[in-house]
Amino acid sequence: MSVDDSPADVERFLKGREQPWAQAFLGSWADDTVARAYGIESIPAVLLLDPDGKIIARDMRGEAIARVVASALEGKP
């Protein structure tokens, strides 16, 4: 999810980059309510959410992301 000033900023950043995941534009950081709702105070922030939007894990980096996602897909806490 992007907290840039305009969708064009996101498009410029992504141009020529292979991104296998969906991108969402939230608007400017100052106006965004989604980041605030999830307690995000800085970026980048990595959160894993369940289908209901509940945070399963946060602050993962590197290989930990793959492990946590695999565990969640297997139904393990």
PDB file of N, CA and C in Angstrom:
ATOM      1  N   MET A   1       0.853  -1.164   0.000  1.00  0.00           N
ATOM      2  CA  MET A   1       0.000   0.000   0.000  1.00  0.00           C
ATOM      3  C   MET A   1       0.898   1.226   0.000  1.00  0.00           C
ATOM      4  N   SER A   2       0.505   2.166  -0.753  1.00  0.00           N
ATOM      5  CA  SER A   2       1.307   3.364  -0.928  1.00  0.00           C
ATOM      6  C   SER A   2       0.683   4.553  -0.207  1.00  0.00           C
ATOM      7  N   VAL A   3       1.515   5.320   0.462  1.00  0.00           N
ATOM      8  CA  VAL A   3       1.077   6.567   1.089  1.00  0.00           C
ATOM      9  C   VAL A   3       1.847   7.719   0.436  1.00  0.00           C
ATOM     10  N   ASP A   4       1.707   7.805  -0.867  1.00  0.00           N
ATOM     11  CA  ASP A   4       2.337   8.866  -1.650  1.00  0.00           C
ATOM     12  C   ASP A   4       1.327   9.979  -1.893  1.00  0.00           C
ATOM     13  N   ASP A   5       1.834  11.071  -2.458  1.00  0.00           N
ATOM     14  CA  ASP A   5       0.960  12.213  -2.714  1.00  0.00           C
ATOM     15  C   ASP A   5       0.021  12.008  -3.897  1.00  0.00           C
ATOM     16  N   SER A   6       0.415  11.155  -4.856  1.00  0.00           N
ATOM     17  CA  SER A   6      -0.459  10.937  -6.007  1.00  0.00           C
ATOM     18  C   SER A   6      -0.235   9.542  -6.581  1.00  0.00           C
ATOM     19  N   PRO A   7      -1.242   9.003  -7.270  1.00  0.00           N
ATOM     20  CA  PRO A   7      -1.065   7.704  -7.913  1.00  0.00           C
ATOM     21  C   PRO A   7       0.075   7.719  -8.925  1.00  0.00           C
ATOM     22  N   ALA A   8       0.343   8.863  -9.532  1.00  0.00           N
ATOM     23  CA  ALA A   8       1.435   8.965 -10.504  1.00  0.00           C
ATOM     24  C   ALA A   8       2.789   8.691  -9.843  1.00  0.00           C
ATOM     25  N   ASP A   9       2.950   9.094  -8.572  1.00  0.00           N
ATOM     26  CA  ASP A   9       4.194   8.810  -7.846  1.00  0.00           C
ATOM     27  C   ASP A   9       4.413   7.303  -7.744  1.00  0.00           C
ATOM     28  N   VAL A  10       3.354   6.582  -7.449  1.00  0.00           N
ATOM     29  CA  VAL A  10       3.433   5.121  -7.335  1.00  0.00           C
ATOM     30  C   VAL A  10       3.748   4.508  -8.693  1.00  0.00           C
ATOM     31  N   GLU A  11       3.070   4.964  -9.716  1.00  0.00           N
ATOM     32  CA  GLU A  11       3.291   4.437 -11.065  1.00  0.00           C
ATOM     33  C   GLU A  11       4.737   4.652 -11.509  1.00  0.00           C
ATOM     34  N   ARG A  12       5.297   5.834 -11.221  1.00  0.00           N
ATOM     35  CA  ARG A  12       6.694   6.100 -11.584  1.00  0.00           C
ATOM     36  C   ARG A  12       7.635   5.160 -10.841  1.00  0.00           C
ATOM     37  N   PHE A  13       7.382   4.950  -9.563  1.00  0.00           N
ATOM     38  CA  PHE A  13       8.228   4.058  -8.772  1.00  0.00           C
ATOM     39  C   PHE A  13       8.183   2.630  -9.302  1.00  0.00           C
ATOM     40  N   LEU A  14       6.996   2.159  -9.653  1.00  0.00           N
ATOM     41  CA  LEU A  14       6.827   0.769 -10.081  1.00  0.00           C
ATOM     42  C   LEU A  14       7.278   0.511 -11.514  1.00  0.00           C
ATOM     43  N   LYS A  15       7.384   1.556 -12.316  1.00  0.00           N
ATOM     44  CA  LYS A  15       7.739   1.376 -13.720  1.00  0.00           C
ATOM     45  C   LYS A  15       9.086   0.649 -13.838  1.00  0.00           C
ATOM     46  N   GLY A  16       9.065  -0.467 -14.569  1.00  0.00           N
ATOM     47  CA  GLY A  16      10.270  -1.254 -14.783  1.00  0.00           C
ATOM     48  C   GLY A  16      10.614  -2.202 -13.647  1.00  0.00           C
ATOM     49  N   ARG A  17       9.831  -2.183 -12.584  1.00  0.00           N
ATOM     50  CA  ARG A  17      10.049  -3.098 -11.460  1.00  0.00           C
ATOM     51  C   ARG A  17       9.011  -4.209 -11.533  1.00  0.00           C
ATOM     52  N   GLU A  18       9.435  -5.409 -11.267  1.00  0.00           N
ATOM     53  CA  GLU A  18       8.504  -6.529 -11.261  1.00  0.00           C
ATOM     54  C   GLU A  18       7.945  -6.679  -9.848  1.00  0.00           C
ATOM     55  N   GLN A  19       6.676  -6.421  -9.684  1.00  0.00           N
ATOM     56  CA  GLN A  19       6.013  -6.522  -8.384  1.00  0.00           C
ATOM     57  C   GLN A  19       4.947  -7.610  -8.469  1.00  0.00           C
ATOM     58  N   PRO A  20       5.151  -8.761  -7.820  1.00  0.00           N
ATOM     59  CA  PRO A  20       4.201  -9.866  -7.942  1.00  0.00           C
ATOM     60  C   PRO A  20       2.951  -9.715  -7.067  1.00  0.00           C
ATOM     61  N   TRP A  21       2.859  -8.636  -6.328  1.00  0.00           N
ATOM     62  CA  TRP A  21       1.708  -8.453  -5.453  1.00  0.00           C
ATOM     63  C   TRP A  21       0.916  -7.226  -5.894  1.00  0.00           C
ATOM     64  N   ALA A  22      -0.299  -7.163  -5.418  1.00  0.00           N
ATOM     65  CA  ALA A  22      -1.174  -6.038  -5.753  1.00  0.00           C
ATOM     66  C   ALA A  22      -0.691  -4.768  -5.055  1.00  0.00           C
ATOM     67  N   GLN A  23      -0.907  -3.650  -5.698  1.00  0.00           N
ATOM     68  CA  GLN A  23      -0.558  -2.352  -5.138  1.00  0.00           C
ATOM     69  C   GLN A  23      -1.841  -1.580  -4.849  1.00  0.00           C
ATOM     70  N   ALA A  24      -1.843  -0.839  -3.760  1.00  0.00           N
ATOM     71  CA  ALA A  24      -2.989   0.001  -3.427  1.00  0.00           C
ATOM     72  C   ALA A  24      -2.481   1.400  -3.094  1.00  0.00           C
ATOM     73  N   PHE A  25      -3.206   2.396  -3.514  1.00  0.00           N
ATOM     74  CA  PHE A  25      -2.868   3.789  -3.245  1.00  0.00           C
ATOM     75  C   PHE A  25      -3.784   4.303  -2.144  1.00  0.00           C
ATOM     76  N   LEU A  26      -3.204   4.747  -1.027  1.00  0.00           N
ATOM     77  CA  LEU A  26      -3.995   5.217   0.108  1.00  0.00           C
ATOM     78  C   LEU A  26      -4.113   6.729   0.185  1.00  0.00           C
ATOM     79  N   GLY A  27      -3.326   7.428  -0.606  1.00  0.00           N
ATOM     80  CA  GLY A  27      -3.303   8.886  -0.518  1.00  0.00           C
ATOM     81  C   GLY A  27      -2.085   9.324   0.270  1.00  0.00           C
ATOM     82  N   SER A  28      -2.029  10.580   0.588  1.00  0.00           N
ATOM     83  CA  SER A  28      -0.858  11.097   1.295  1.00  0.00           C
ATOM     84  C   SER A  28      -0.825  10.590   2.732  1.00  0.00           C
ATOM     85  N   TRP A  29       0.382  10.487   3.253  1.00  0.00           N
ATOM     86  CA  TRP A  29       0.604  10.004   4.627  1.00  0.00           C
ATOM     87  C   TRP A  29      -0.223  10.816   5.623  1.00  0.00           C
ATOM     88  N   ALA A  30      -0.269  12.105   5.448  1.00  0.00           N
ATOM     89  CA  ALA A  30      -0.971  12.980   6.395  1.00  0.00           C
ATOM     90  C   ALA A  30      -2.470  12.714   6.445  1.00  0.00           C
ATOM     91  N   ASP A  31      -3.042  12.253   5.337  1.00  0.00           N
ATOM     92  CA  ASP A  31      -4.492  12.056   5.260  1.00  0.00           C
ATOM     93  C   ASP A  31      -4.935  10.606   5.425  1.00  0.00           C
ATOM     94  N   ASP A  32      -3.983   9.685   5.481  1.00  0.00           N
ATOM     95  CA  ASP A  32      -4.323   8.261   5.478  1.00  0.00           C
ATOM     96  C   ASP A  32      -4.864   7.797   6.824  1.00  0.00           C
ATOM     97  N   THR A  33      -5.976   7.077   6.782  1.00  0.00           N
ATOM     98  CA  THR A  33      -6.551   6.520   8.010  1.00  0.00           C
ATOM     99  C   THR A  33      -6.204   5.043   8.185  1.00  0.00           C
ATOM    100  N   VAL A  34      -5.854   4.360   7.093  1.00  0.00           N
ATOM    101  CA  VAL A  34      -5.546   2.929   7.168  1.00  0.00           C
ATOM    102  C   VAL A  34      -4.278   2.696   7.980  1.00  0.00           C
ATOM    103  N   ALA A  35      -3.214   3.419   7.663  1.00  0.00           N
ATOM    104  CA  ALA A  35      -1.961   3.257   8.402  1.00  0.00           C
ATOM    105  C   ALA A  35      -2.173   3.554   9.884  1.00  0.00           C
ATOM    106  N   ARG A  36      -2.907   4.598  10.171  1.00  0.00           N
ATOM    107  CA  ARG A  36      -3.192   4.933  11.573  1.00  0.00           C
ATOM    108  C   ARG A  36      -3.981   3.836  12.268  1.00  0.00           C
ATOM    109  N   ALA A  37      -4.956   3.256  11.566  1.00  0.00           N
ATOM    110  CA  ALA A  37      -5.791   2.211  12.156  1.00  0.00           C
ATOM    111  C   ALA A  37      -4.970   0.985  12.540  1.00  0.00           C
ATOM    112  N   TYR A  38      -3.892   0.723  11.790  1.00  0.00           N
ATOM    113  CA  TYR A  38      -3.042  -0.434  12.073  1.00  0.00           C
ATOM    114  C   TYR A  38      -1.804  -0.062  12.890  1.00  0.00           C
ATOM    115  N   GLY A  39      -1.731   1.158  13.372  1.00  0.00           N
ATOM    116  CA  GLY A  39      -0.625   1.564  14.221  1.00  0.00           C
ATOM    117  C   GLY A  39       0.702   1.708  13.490  1.00  0.00           C
ATOM    118  N   ILE A  40       0.651   1.988  12.200  1.00  0.00           N
ATOM    119  CA  ILE A  40       1.879   2.150  11.422  1.00  0.00           C
ATOM    120  C   ILE A  40       2.380   3.574  11.613  1.00  0.00           C
ATOM    121  N   GLU A  41       3.607   3.670  12.108  1.00  0.00           N
ATOM    122  CA  GLU A  41       4.184   4.985  12.374  1.00  0.00           C
ATOM    123  C   GLU A  41       5.327   5.327  11.431  1.00  0.00           C
ATOM    124  N   SER A  42       5.819   4.335  10.692  1.00  0.00           N
ATOM    125  CA  SER A  42       6.891   4.587   9.739  1.00  0.00           C
ATOM    126  C   SER A  42       6.799   3.564   8.615  1.00  0.00           C
ATOM    127  N   ILE A  43       7.459   3.881   7.503  1.00  0.00           N
ATOM    128  CA  ILE A  43       7.457   2.968   6.381  1.00  0.00           C
ATOM    129  C   ILE A  43       8.892   2.683   5.964  1.00  0.00           C
ATOM    130  N   PRO A  44       9.184   1.504   5.457  1.00  0.00           N
ATOM    131  CA  PRO A  44       8.217   0.460   5.138  1.00  0.00           C
ATOM    132  C   PRO A  44       7.736  -0.248   6.401  1.00  0.00           C
ATOM    133  N   ALA A  45       6.538  -0.746   6.343  1.00  0.00           N
ATOM    134  CA  ALA A  45       5.962  -1.546   7.418  1.00  0.00           C
ATOM    135  C   ALA A  45       5.440  -2.831   6.790  1.00  0.00           C
ATOM    136  N   VAL A  46       5.722  -3.944   7.416  1.00  0.00           N
ATOM    137  CA  VAL A  46       5.276  -5.239   6.902  1.00  0.00           C
ATOM    138  C   VAL A  46       4.295  -5.840   7.903  1.00  0.00           C
ATOM    139  N   LEU A  47       3.073  -6.044   7.438  1.00  0.00           N
ATOM    140  CA  LEU A  47       2.024  -6.648   8.263  1.00  0.00           C
ATOM    141  C   LEU A  47       1.441  -7.820   7.502  1.00  0.00           C
ATOM    142  N   LEU A  48       1.099  -8.879   8.226  1.00  0.00           N
ATOM    143  CA  LEU A  48       0.351  -9.987   7.642  1.00  0.00           C
ATOM    144  C   LEU A  48      -1.021  -9.955   8.283  1.00  0.00           C
ATOM    145  N   LEU A  49      -2.050  -9.825   7.444  1.00  0.00           N
ATOM    146  CA  LEU A  49      -3.427  -9.726   7.929  1.00  0.00           C
ATOM    147  C   LEU A  49      -4.199 -10.978   7.579  1.00  0.00           C
ATOM    148  N   ASP A  50      -5.141 -11.356   8.450  1.00  0.00           N
ATOM    149  CA  ASP A  50      -6.026 -12.469   8.113  1.00  0.00           C
ATOM    150  C   ASP A  50      -7.169 -11.931   7.253  1.00  0.00           C
ATOM    151  N   PRO A  51      -8.046 -12.801   6.759  1.00  0.00           N
ATOM    152  CA  PRO A  51      -9.133 -12.330   5.885  1.00  0.00           C
ATOM    153  C   PRO A  51     -10.046 -11.294   6.522  1.00  0.00           C
ATOM    154  N   ASP A  52     -10.082 -11.241   7.857  1.00  0.00           N
ATOM    155  CA  ASP A  52     -10.919 -10.263   8.548  1.00  0.00           C
ATOM    156  C   ASP A  52     -10.192  -8.960   8.833  1.00  0.00           C
ATOM    157  N   GLY A  53      -8.920  -8.866   8.418  1.00  0.00           N
ATOM    158  CA  GLY A  53      -8.148  -7.651   8.647  1.00  0.00           C
ATOM    159  C   GLY A  53      -7.413  -7.621   9.965  1.00  0.00           C
ATOM    160  N   LYS A  54      -7.448  -8.717  10.717  1.00  0.00           N
ATOM    161  CA  LYS A  54      -6.736  -8.802  11.995  1.00  0.00           C
ATOM    162  C   LYS A  54      -5.251  -9.040  11.723  1.00  0.00           C
ATOM    163  N   ILE A  55      -4.395  -8.346  12.475  1.00  0.00           N
ATOM    164  CA  ILE A  55      -2.953  -8.513  12.304  1.00  0.00           C
ATOM    165  C   ILE A  55      -2.518  -9.862  12.862  1.00  0.00           C
ATOM    166  N   ILE A  56      -1.908 -10.678  12.001  1.00  0.00           N
ATOM    167  CA  ILE A  56      -1.352 -11.975  12.409  1.00  0.00           C
ATOM    168  C   ILE A  56       0.096 -11.800  12.836  1.00  0.00           C
ATOM    169  N   ALA A  57       0.840 -10.985  12.095  1.00  0.00           N
ATOM    170  CA  ALA A  57       2.248 -10.740  12.401  1.00  0.00           C
ATOM    171  C   ALA A  57       2.629  -9.368  11.876  1.00  0.00           C
ATOM    172  N   ARG A  58       3.671  -8.796  12.477  1.00  0.00           N
ATOM    173  CA  ARG A  58       4.155  -7.497  12.028  1.00  0.00           C
ATOM    174  C   ARG A  58       5.656  -7.397  12.245  1.00  0.00           C
ATOM    175  N   ASP A  59       6.256  -6.416  11.611  1.00  0.00           N
ATOM    176  CA  ASP A  59       7.684  -6.132  11.760  1.00  0.00           C
ATOM    177  C   ASP A  59       8.577  -7.285  11.338  1.00  0.00           C
ATOM    178  N   MET A  60       8.184  -8.018  10.311  1.00  0.00           N
ATOM    179  CA  MET A  60       9.003  -9.109   9.784  1.00  0.00           C
ATOM    180  C   MET A  60       9.961  -8.539   8.752  1.00  0.00           C
ATOM    181  N   ARG A  61      11.099  -9.201   8.591  1.00  0.00           N
ATOM    182  CA  ARG A  61      12.073  -8.813   7.576  1.00  0.00           C
ATOM    183  C   ARG A  61      12.665 -10.072   6.954  1.00  0.00           C
ATOM    184  N   GLY A  62      13.094  -9.959   5.724  1.00  0.00           N
ATOM    185  CA  GLY A  62      13.816 -11.032   5.048  1.00  0.00           C
ATOM    186  C   GLY A  62      13.081 -12.358   5.033  1.00  0.00           C
ATOM    187  N   GLU A  63      13.813 -13.417   5.371  1.00  0.00           N
ATOM    188  CA  GLU A  63      13.261 -14.777   5.309  1.00  0.00           C
ATOM    189  C   GLU A  63      12.136 -15.008   6.311  1.00  0.00           C
ATOM    190  N   ALA A  64      12.073 -14.194   7.339  1.00  0.00           N
ATOM    191  CA  ALA A  64      10.995 -14.341   8.326  1.00  0.00           C
ATOM    192  C   ALA A  64       9.630 -14.142   7.675  1.00  0.00           C
ATOM    193  N   ILE A  65       9.559 -13.285   6.666  1.00  0.00           N
ATOM    194  CA  ILE A  65       8.281 -13.054   5.982  1.00  0.00           C
ATOM    195  C   ILE A  65       7.784 -14.352   5.356  1.00  0.00           C
ATOM    196  N   ALA A  66       8.661 -15.049   4.631  1.00  0.00           N
ATOM    197  CA  ALA A  66       8.274 -16.306   3.976  1.00  0.00           C
ATOM    198  C   ALA A  66       7.854 -17.347   5.010  1.00  0.00           C
ATOM    199  N   ARG A  67       8.567 -17.435   6.114  1.00  0.00           N
ATOM    200  CA  ARG A  67       8.222 -18.420   7.156  1.00  0.00           C
ATOM    201  C   ARG A  67       6.852 -18.135   7.766  1.00  0.00           C
ATOM    202  N   VAL A  68       6.597 -16.886   8.081  1.00  0.00           N
ATOM    203  CA  VAL A  68       5.325 -16.518   8.723  1.00  0.00           C
ATOM    204  C   VAL A  68       4.159 -16.724   7.754  1.00  0.00           C
ATOM    205  N   VAL A  69       4.338 -16.346   6.495  1.00  0.00           N
ATOM    206  CA  VAL A  69       3.273 -16.543   5.504  1.00  0.00           C
ATOM    207  C   VAL A  69       3.017 -18.039   5.304  1.00  0.00           C
ATOM    208  N   ALA A  70       4.067 -18.842   5.165  1.00  0.00           N
ATOM    209  CA  ALA A  70       3.890 -20.290   4.997  1.00  0.00           C
ATOM    210  C   ALA A  70       3.162 -20.886   6.188  1.00  0.00           C
ATOM    211  N   SER A  71       3.535 -20.469   7.374  1.00  0.00           N
ATOM    212  CA  SER A  71       2.887 -20.967   8.590  1.00  0.00           C
ATOM    213  C   SER A  71       1.406 -20.588   8.614  1.00  0.00           C
ATOM    214  N   ALA A  72       1.100 -19.358   8.237  1.00  0.00           N
ATOM    215  CA  ALA A  72      -0.289 -18.919   8.213  1.00  0.00           C
ATOM    216  C   ALA A  72      -1.102 -19.694   7.183  1.00  0.00           C
ATOM    217  N   LEU A  73      -0.504 -19.974   6.033  1.00  0.00           N
ATOM    218  CA  LEU A  73      -1.205 -20.747   5.002  1.00  0.00           C
ATOM    219  C   LEU A  73      -1.443 -22.190   5.421  1.00  0.00           C
ATOM    220  N   GLU A  74      -0.590 -22.705   6.291  1.00  0.00           N
ATOM    221  CA  GLU A  74      -0.770 -24.061   6.799  1.00  0.00           C
ATOM    222  C   GLU A  74      -1.738 -24.088   7.977  1.00  0.00           C
ATOM    223  N   GLY A  75      -2.202 -22.920   8.409  1.00  0.00           N
ATOM    224  CA  GLY A  75      -3.157 -22.839   9.504  1.00  0.00           C
ATOM    225  C   GLY A  75      -2.538 -22.910  10.880  1.00  0.00           C
ATOM    226  N   LYS A  76      -1.229 -22.647  10.973  1.00  0.00           N
ATOM    227  CA  LYS A  76      -0.549 -22.651  12.273  1.00  0.00           C
ATOM    228  C   LYS A  76      -0.486 -21.225  12.809  1.00  0.00           C
ATOM    229  N   PRO A  77      -0.594 -21.081  14.111  1.00  0.00           N
ATOM    230  CA  PRO A  77      -0.502 -19.718  14.679  1.00  0.00           C
ATOM    231  C   PRO A  77       0.889 -19.141  14.571  1.00  0.00           C
TER     232      PRO A  77
END
